[in-house]
Structures are given as C-alpha cells and as structure tokens.
Amino acid sequence: MKNLFHLAFPVHDLDAAREFYGGLLGCSEGRSSDRWIDFDLYGHQIVTHLDPALAGVKMTNPVDGNDVPVPHFGVILPMDEWRAFAQRLQSKGVKFVIEPRIRFEGQVGEQATMFFLDPSGNALEFKAFDDMSQVFAK
C-alpha cells in the first residue's frame, strides 16, 4: 500500500463543506460527526473540522507574478486530468483566486496551476506538470 497524506483543517460550516468537497470536488465521504467530516481527496484523507474562528487564508506570498494564498493545499494531477478538472470547475462557475495558468513557463519547475477557495475561505491549489521529474527540480 502507498503512503497516504492526512490533513485536518477548520471550516465554518459542515454542510457547506459537504457540498463543496463532496458535491463540487467529488470527494467521497468517510466517517463524520456533528463536528467533523472525513473526505477522500484523490486517495488522501482530508478532514474538515468545525471551527469558524480559524478558517480561511491568513496571508499571501508573491510567486511568479501572483499573490499565492497561504496556507493552501491541493493535489498534483496528470496534465490531461488537470485540464479536464479546470474546465469542469470553470463550467460550474467557480471563482478562482488565481485562474488556471502555466507558472514558471519555460523554466525549471514549469507547471499548470489554479487556486480557488472553499466556502470557509480555505485555499486549494491544484497543479500539474508535463514532466513529473520537475516536481522537486531546483
């Protein structure tokens, strides 16, 4: 079995989280309570915990001409899957913090990226590489 990543983070509303992660992103739901929900995000466990005071982006950092929200999390997808996912989100009217684009074009680490927020203001980044050897390239 491969190693799995686990991330727990705060949200302000579990019903909104369920609609966003389950409905929009298509994450299957695991265990839950009246305070948290487990989701399967591309085979990794993410857990939304009810804590309205802590949810949301706290700052940004400049990266290749964009203000990248911090903190953020997401998944690196195969390029064709990333393109299809970006189109699906666009067709559903998702408002992007950073529109789907190529970052570091023609440089080491060239990648496709997009950022958007969940209903609690938590930032997600989904990215892709034509050349997966570039993921950790310097």
N, C-alpha and C. Protein backbone atom coordinates (compact mmCIF):
# COMPACT_ATOMS: atom_id res chain seq x y z
N MET A 1 0.84 -1.19 0.00
CA MET A 1 0.00 0.00 0.00
C MET A 1 0.88 1.25 0.00
N LYS A 2 0.50 2.25 -0.76
CA LYS A 2 1.25 3.51 -0.78
C LYS A 2 0.94 4.30 0.50
N ASN A 3 1.84 5.19 0.84
CA ASN A 3 1.61 6.07 1.98
C ASN A 3 0.53 7.09 1.62
N LEU A 4 -0.30 7.41 2.58
CA LEU A 4 -1.38 8.37 2.36
C LEU A 4 -1.12 9.62 3.17
N PHE A 5 -1.54 10.74 2.62
CA PHE A 5 -1.43 12.01 3.30
C PHE A 5 -2.71 12.28 4.06
N HIS A 6 -2.61 12.87 5.24
CA HIS A 6 -3.76 13.24 6.07
C HIS A 6 -3.64 14.72 6.39
N LEU A 7 -4.73 15.46 6.20
CA LEU A 7 -4.76 16.88 6.52
C LEU A 7 -6.08 17.19 7.19
N ALA A 8 -6.03 17.82 8.35
CA ALA A 8 -7.21 18.29 9.05
C ALA A 8 -7.16 19.81 9.07
N PHE A 9 -8.30 20.46 8.79
CA PHE A 9 -8.33 21.92 8.71
C PHE A 9 -9.71 22.43 9.13
N PRO A 10 -9.77 23.70 9.55
CA PRO A 10 -11.02 24.26 10.05
C PRO A 10 -11.95 24.76 8.95
N VAL A 11 -13.23 24.62 9.20
CA VAL A 11 -14.27 25.19 8.33
C VAL A 11 -15.31 25.87 9.21
N HIS A 12 -16.07 26.78 8.61
CA HIS A 12 -17.09 27.49 9.38
C HIS A 12 -18.46 26.81 9.33
N ASP A 13 -18.66 25.87 8.38
CA ASP A 13 -19.97 25.27 8.18
C ASP A 13 -19.79 23.88 7.56
N LEU A 14 -20.20 22.84 8.27
CA LEU A 14 -20.00 21.48 7.76
C LEU A 14 -20.90 21.17 6.56
N ASP A 15 -22.11 21.71 6.53
CA ASP A 15 -22.98 21.46 5.38
C ASP A 15 -22.39 22.07 4.11
N ALA A 16 -21.85 23.28 4.23
CA ALA A 16 -21.21 23.92 3.08
C ALA A 16 -19.97 23.13 2.66
N ALA A 17 -19.21 22.63 3.64
CA ALA A 17 -18.03 21.81 3.34
C ALA A 17 -18.44 20.53 2.61
N ARG A 18 -19.51 19.91 3.07
CA ARG A 18 -20.01 18.67 2.45
C ARG A 18 -20.40 18.93 0.99
N GLU A 19 -21.08 20.04 0.74
CA GLU A 19 -21.48 20.36 -0.63
C GLU A 19 -20.26 20.65 -1.52
N PHE A 20 -19.29 21.40 -0.98
CA PHE A 20 -18.11 21.77 -1.75
C PHE A 20 -17.21 20.56 -2.02
N TYR A 21 -16.77 19.88 -0.96
CA TYR A 21 -15.82 18.78 -1.14
C TYR A 21 -16.49 17.54 -1.73
N GLY A 22 -17.70 17.24 -1.27
CA GLY A 22 -18.41 16.08 -1.80
C GLY A 22 -19.08 16.36 -3.13
N GLY A 23 -19.84 17.45 -3.18
CA GLY A 23 -20.60 17.77 -4.39
C GLY A 23 -19.75 18.32 -5.52
N LEU A 24 -19.08 19.44 -5.29
CA LEU A 24 -18.31 20.09 -6.36
C LEU A 24 -17.04 19.31 -6.72
N LEU A 25 -16.24 18.97 -5.71
CA LEU A 25 -14.97 18.29 -6.00
C LEU A 25 -15.12 16.79 -6.19
N GLY A 26 -16.23 16.21 -5.79
CA GLY A 26 -16.47 14.78 -6.00
C GLY A 26 -15.74 13.88 -5.03
N CYS A 27 -15.38 14.40 -3.85
CA CYS A 27 -14.70 13.59 -2.83
C CYS A 27 -15.73 12.71 -2.13
N SER A 28 -15.44 11.42 -2.03
CA SER A 28 -16.36 10.56 -1.29
C SER A 28 -16.19 10.83 0.20
N GLU A 29 -17.30 10.69 0.91
CA GLU A 29 -17.30 10.98 2.34
C GLU A 29 -17.05 9.72 3.14
N GLY A 30 -16.24 9.84 4.17
CA GLY A 30 -15.98 8.75 5.11
C GLY A 30 -16.77 8.97 6.38
N ARG A 31 -16.10 8.76 7.50
CA ARG A 31 -16.75 8.94 8.79
C ARG A 31 -17.05 10.43 9.02
N SER A 32 -18.00 10.69 9.92
CA SER A 32 -18.30 12.07 10.26
C SER A 32 -18.98 12.12 11.61
N SER A 33 -19.07 13.33 12.14
CA SER A 33 -19.82 13.59 13.36
C SER A 33 -20.46 14.96 13.20
N ASP A 34 -20.99 15.51 14.26
CA ASP A 34 -21.55 16.85 14.18
C ASP A 34 -20.46 17.92 14.27
N ARG A 35 -19.17 17.52 14.35
CA ARG A 35 -18.04 18.45 14.45
C ARG A 35 -17.00 18.29 13.36
N TRP A 36 -17.05 17.20 12.57
CA TRP A 36 -16.04 16.95 11.55
C TRP A 36 -16.55 15.99 10.48
N ILE A 37 -15.89 16.04 9.30
CA ILE A 37 -16.20 15.11 8.20
C ILE A 37 -14.89 14.69 7.55
N ASP A 38 -14.72 13.39 7.33
CA ASP A 38 -13.60 12.84 6.54
C ASP A 38 -13.99 12.81 5.07
N PHE A 39 -13.05 13.19 4.20
CA PHE A 39 -13.25 13.09 2.76
C PHE A 39 -12.05 12.41 2.12
N ASP A 40 -12.29 11.73 1.01
CA ASP A 40 -11.24 11.12 0.21
C ASP A 40 -10.92 12.06 -0.95
N LEU A 41 -9.78 12.73 -0.87
CA LEU A 41 -9.32 13.65 -1.91
C LEU A 41 -8.22 12.95 -2.70
N TYR A 42 -8.59 12.34 -3.82
CA TYR A 42 -7.65 11.62 -4.68
C TYR A 42 -6.85 10.58 -3.89
N GLY A 43 -7.52 9.86 -3.01
CA GLY A 43 -6.88 8.80 -2.25
C GLY A 43 -6.24 9.25 -0.95
N HIS A 44 -6.35 10.52 -0.62
CA HIS A 44 -5.77 11.05 0.62
C HIS A 44 -6.90 11.51 1.53
N GLN A 45 -6.66 11.43 2.83
CA GLN A 45 -7.69 11.77 3.79
C GLN A 45 -7.58 13.24 4.21
N ILE A 46 -8.64 13.98 3.91
CA ILE A 46 -8.74 15.34 4.43
C ILE A 46 -9.93 15.37 5.38
N VAL A 47 -9.82 16.17 6.43
CA VAL A 47 -10.85 16.21 7.45
C VAL A 47 -11.22 17.66 7.74
N THR A 48 -12.48 17.99 7.51
CA THR A 48 -12.97 19.32 7.82
C THR A 48 -13.45 19.31 9.26
N HIS A 49 -12.90 20.21 10.07
CA HIS A 49 -13.28 20.34 11.48
C HIS A 49 -13.99 21.67 11.69
N LEU A 50 -15.10 21.65 12.38
CA LEU A 50 -15.88 22.85 12.63
C LEU A 50 -15.14 23.75 13.62
N ASP A 51 -14.68 24.90 13.13
CA ASP A 51 -14.01 25.91 13.95
C ASP A 51 -14.03 27.23 13.18
N PRO A 52 -15.15 27.94 13.22
CA PRO A 52 -15.29 29.16 12.42
C PRO A 52 -14.21 30.21 12.66
N ALA A 53 -13.65 30.28 13.85
CA ALA A 53 -12.67 31.31 14.15
C ALA A 53 -11.34 31.12 13.43
N LEU A 54 -11.02 29.88 13.05
CA LEU A 54 -9.71 29.60 12.46
C LEU A 54 -9.72 29.42 10.94
N ALA A 55 -10.88 29.31 10.33
CA ALA A 55 -10.95 29.02 8.89
C ALA A 55 -10.49 30.20 8.05
N GLY A 56 -9.88 29.89 6.90
CA GLY A 56 -9.58 30.90 5.90
C GLY A 56 -8.11 31.24 5.73
N VAL A 57 -7.83 31.95 4.65
CA VAL A 57 -6.49 32.38 4.27
C VAL A 57 -6.05 33.50 5.21
N LYS A 58 -4.81 33.44 5.63
CA LYS A 58 -4.28 34.45 6.55
C LYS A 58 -3.33 35.44 5.89
N MET A 59 -2.72 35.06 4.76
CA MET A 59 -1.76 35.93 4.09
C MET A 59 -1.53 35.45 2.67
N THR A 60 -0.69 36.16 1.92
CA THR A 60 -0.28 35.74 0.58
C THR A 60 1.22 35.95 0.43
N ASN A 61 1.80 35.24 -0.51
CA ASN A 61 3.20 35.40 -0.89
C ASN A 61 3.27 35.56 -2.41
N PRO A 62 4.14 36.43 -2.92
CA PRO A 62 4.26 36.58 -4.37
C PRO A 62 5.01 35.39 -4.98
N VAL A 63 4.42 34.79 -6.01
CA VAL A 63 5.04 33.69 -6.74
C VAL A 63 4.75 33.89 -8.22
N ASP A 64 5.78 34.09 -9.03
CA ASP A 64 5.66 34.22 -10.47
C ASP A 64 4.53 35.17 -10.89
N GLY A 65 4.48 36.32 -10.25
CA GLY A 65 3.52 37.34 -10.65
C GLY A 65 2.14 37.23 -10.03
N ASN A 66 1.92 36.27 -9.13
CA ASN A 66 0.62 36.12 -8.47
C ASN A 66 0.80 36.19 -6.96
N ASP A 67 -0.25 36.62 -6.27
CA ASP A 67 -0.28 36.58 -4.81
C ASP A 67 -0.89 35.24 -4.41
N VAL A 68 -0.03 34.32 -3.98
CA VAL A 68 -0.45 32.96 -3.64
C VAL A 68 -0.97 32.94 -2.20
N PRO A 69 -2.21 32.45 -2.00
CA PRO A 69 -2.77 32.40 -0.65
C PRO A 69 -2.04 31.39 0.23
N VAL A 70 -1.83 31.79 1.48
CA VAL A 70 -1.16 30.94 2.47
C VAL A 70 -2.03 30.94 3.72
N PRO A 71 -2.32 29.77 4.26
CA PRO A 71 -1.95 28.45 3.79
C PRO A 71 -2.81 28.01 2.62
N HIS A 72 -2.38 26.93 1.97
CA HIS A 72 -3.18 26.27 0.93
C HIS A 72 -2.76 24.81 0.84
N PHE A 73 -3.60 24.01 0.19
CA PHE A 73 -3.29 22.60 -0.03
C PHE A 73 -3.96 22.17 -1.32
N GLY A 74 -3.59 21.01 -1.83
CA GLY A 74 -4.19 20.51 -3.05
C GLY A 74 -3.53 19.24 -3.51
N VAL A 75 -3.66 18.98 -4.80
CA VAL A 75 -3.17 17.73 -5.39
C VAL A 75 -2.45 18.05 -6.70
N ILE A 76 -1.40 17.29 -6.98
CA ILE A 76 -0.74 17.35 -8.28
C ILE A 76 -1.37 16.27 -9.14
N LEU A 77 -1.97 16.68 -10.24
CA LEU A 77 -2.67 15.76 -11.14
C LEU A 77 -1.88 15.57 -12.43
N PRO A 78 -2.17 14.49 -13.17
CA PRO A 78 -1.65 14.39 -14.53
C PRO A 78 -2.20 15.56 -15.36
N MET A 79 -1.43 16.05 -16.32
CA MET A 79 -1.80 17.26 -17.06
C MET A 79 -3.18 17.15 -17.71
N ASP A 80 -3.49 16.03 -18.36
CA ASP A 80 -4.80 15.91 -19.01
C ASP A 80 -5.93 15.94 -17.99
N GLU A 81 -5.72 15.35 -16.84
CA GLU A 81 -6.74 15.35 -15.79
C GLU A 81 -6.88 16.77 -15.20
N TRP A 82 -5.76 17.48 -15.07
CA TRP A 82 -5.80 18.86 -14.58
C TRP A 82 -6.62 19.74 -15.53
N ARG A 83 -6.38 19.61 -16.82
CA ARG A 83 -7.12 20.41 -17.81
C ARG A 83 -8.63 20.13 -17.72
N ALA A 84 -8.99 18.86 -17.64
CA ALA A 84 -10.40 18.48 -17.55
C ALA A 84 -11.02 19.00 -16.25
N PHE A 85 -10.27 18.92 -15.17
CA PHE A 85 -10.74 19.41 -13.87
C PHE A 85 -10.94 20.93 -13.92
N ALA A 86 -9.99 21.65 -14.50
CA ALA A 86 -10.10 23.11 -14.64
C ALA A 86 -11.34 23.48 -15.45
N GLN A 87 -11.57 22.78 -16.55
CA GLN A 87 -12.75 23.05 -17.38
C GLN A 87 -14.04 22.77 -16.61
N ARG A 88 -14.04 21.69 -15.83
CA ARG A 88 -15.24 21.35 -15.04
C ARG A 88 -15.52 22.44 -14.01
N LEU A 89 -14.48 22.91 -13.32
CA LEU A 89 -14.67 23.97 -12.33
C LEU A 89 -15.15 25.26 -13.00
N GLN A 90 -14.57 25.60 -14.15
CA GLN A 90 -14.99 26.80 -14.88
C GLN A 90 -16.45 26.68 -15.31
N SER A 91 -16.86 25.50 -15.77
CA SER A 91 -18.24 25.32 -16.22
C SER A 91 -19.23 25.40 -15.05
N LYS A 92 -18.76 25.15 -13.84
CA LYS A 92 -19.61 25.25 -12.66
C LYS A 92 -19.55 26.63 -12.02
N GLY A 93 -18.83 27.55 -12.65
CA GLY A 93 -18.80 28.93 -12.17
C GLY A 93 -17.92 29.18 -10.96
N VAL A 94 -16.93 28.31 -10.73
CA VAL A 94 -16.03 28.51 -9.60
C VAL A 94 -15.26 29.81 -9.79
N LYS A 95 -15.20 30.60 -8.74
CA LYS A 95 -14.43 31.85 -8.77
C LYS A 95 -13.00 31.51 -8.35
N PHE A 96 -12.05 31.79 -9.22
CA PHE A 96 -10.66 31.47 -8.96
C PHE A 96 -9.94 32.64 -8.29
N VAL A 97 -9.08 32.33 -7.34
CA VAL A 97 -8.16 33.31 -6.77
C VAL A 97 -7.05 33.54 -7.79
N ILE A 98 -6.57 32.46 -8.38
CA ILE A 98 -5.62 32.50 -9.49
C ILE A 98 -6.19 31.59 -10.57
N GLU A 99 -6.54 32.18 -11.69
CA GLU A 99 -7.12 31.43 -12.82
C GLU A 99 -6.17 30.33 -13.28
N PRO A 100 -6.70 29.25 -13.85
CA PRO A 100 -5.84 28.21 -14.40
C PRO A 100 -4.82 28.82 -15.36
N ARG A 101 -3.54 28.50 -15.13
CA ARG A 101 -2.47 29.08 -15.95
C ARG A 101 -1.21 28.23 -15.84
N ILE A 102 -0.24 28.54 -16.70
CA ILE A 102 1.08 27.91 -16.62
C ILE A 102 1.99 28.86 -15.86
N ARG A 103 2.63 28.33 -14.82
CA ARG A 103 3.55 29.11 -13.99
C ARG A 103 4.97 28.67 -14.30
N PHE A 104 5.92 29.58 -14.19
CA PHE A 104 7.34 29.33 -14.48
C PHE A 104 7.53 28.81 -15.90
N GLU A 105 6.76 29.36 -16.83
CA GLU A 105 6.80 28.90 -18.22
C GLU A 105 8.21 28.98 -18.79
N GLY A 106 8.66 27.85 -19.36
CA GLY A 106 9.99 27.76 -19.96
C GLY A 106 11.13 27.67 -18.97
N GLN A 107 10.80 27.53 -17.69
CA GLN A 107 11.82 27.47 -16.64
C GLN A 107 11.77 26.11 -15.94
N VAL A 108 12.76 25.87 -15.11
CA VAL A 108 12.74 24.69 -14.24
C VAL A 108 11.49 24.76 -13.38
N GLY A 109 10.78 23.67 -13.28
CA GLY A 109 9.57 23.62 -12.46
C GLY A 109 8.32 24.14 -13.14
N GLU A 110 8.35 24.28 -14.48
CA GLU A 110 7.15 24.72 -15.20
C GLU A 110 5.97 23.85 -14.80
N GLN A 111 4.83 24.50 -14.52
CA GLN A 111 3.67 23.77 -14.02
C GLN A 111 2.38 24.50 -14.35
N ALA A 112 1.33 23.73 -14.47
CA ALA A 112 -0.01 24.29 -14.56
C ALA A 112 -0.52 24.44 -13.13
N THR A 113 -1.23 25.54 -12.87
CA THR A 113 -1.73 25.77 -11.51
C THR A 113 -3.05 26.51 -11.54
N MET A 114 -3.81 26.37 -10.49
CA MET A 114 -5.03 27.15 -10.27
C MET A 114 -5.31 27.15 -8.77
N PHE A 115 -5.85 28.25 -8.29
CA PHE A 115 -6.21 28.40 -6.89
C PHE A 115 -7.66 28.83 -6.78
N PHE A 116 -8.36 28.29 -5.80
CA PHE A 116 -9.72 28.70 -5.50
C PHE A 116 -9.96 28.44 -4.02
N LEU A 117 -11.03 29.02 -3.50
CA LEU A 117 -11.34 28.92 -2.07
C LEU A 117 -12.54 28.02 -1.84
N ASP A 118 -12.53 27.33 -0.70
CA ASP A 118 -13.73 26.61 -0.29
C ASP A 118 -14.66 27.62 0.38
N PRO A 119 -15.88 27.23 0.76
CA PRO A 119 -16.82 28.19 1.35
C PRO A 119 -16.34 28.84 2.65
N SER A 120 -15.36 28.23 3.31
CA SER A 120 -14.82 28.79 4.55
C SER A 120 -13.61 29.68 4.30
N GLY A 121 -13.23 29.84 3.03
CA GLY A 121 -12.08 30.68 2.71
C GLY A 121 -10.75 29.95 2.75
N ASN A 122 -10.76 28.62 2.86
CA ASN A 122 -9.54 27.83 2.78
C ASN A 122 -9.11 27.72 1.33
N ALA A 123 -7.84 27.97 1.06
CA ALA A 123 -7.34 27.97 -0.32
C ALA A 123 -6.89 26.58 -0.75
N LEU A 124 -7.24 26.22 -1.97
CA LEU A 124 -6.80 24.97 -2.58
C LEU A 124 -6.04 25.30 -3.85
N GLU A 125 -4.95 24.56 -4.07
CA GLU A 125 -4.20 24.67 -5.32
C GLU A 125 -4.17 23.29 -5.95
N PHE A 126 -4.54 23.24 -7.21
CA PHE A 126 -4.38 22.01 -8.00
C PHE A 126 -3.39 22.35 -9.09
N LYS A 127 -2.40 21.46 -9.26
CA LYS A 127 -1.36 21.72 -10.24
C LYS A 127 -1.06 20.48 -11.03
N ALA A 128 -0.29 20.65 -12.11
CA ALA A 128 0.13 19.55 -12.97
C ALA A 128 1.46 19.90 -13.61
N PHE A 129 2.19 18.87 -13.99
CA PHE A 129 3.47 19.02 -14.67
C PHE A 129 3.45 18.17 -15.93
N ASP A 130 3.94 18.72 -17.06
CA ASP A 130 4.14 17.89 -18.25
C ASP A 130 5.23 16.86 -17.98
N ASP A 131 6.20 17.25 -17.17
CA ASP A 131 7.35 16.41 -16.83
C ASP A 131 7.39 16.26 -15.32
N MET A 132 6.94 15.12 -14.81
CA MET A 132 6.85 14.91 -13.36
C MET A 132 8.21 14.96 -12.66
N SER A 133 9.30 14.86 -13.41
CA SER A 133 10.61 14.99 -12.77
C SER A 133 10.85 16.42 -12.32
N GLN A 134 10.02 17.36 -12.77
CA GLN A 134 10.16 18.76 -12.40
C GLN A 134 9.51 19.12 -11.06
N VAL A 135 8.76 18.18 -10.47
CA VAL A 135 8.05 18.48 -9.22
C VAL A 135 9.01 19.01 -8.15
N PHE A 136 10.15 18.40 -7.98
CA PHE A 136 11.11 18.82 -6.95
C PHE A 136 12.40 19.40 -7.55
N ALA A 137 12.36 19.74 -8.84
CA ALA A 137 13.57 20.27 -9.50
C ALA A 137 13.95 21.62 -8.92
N LYS A 138 15.26 21.87 -8.88
CA LYS A 138 15.77 23.15 -8.36
C LYS A 138 16.21 24.05 -9.50
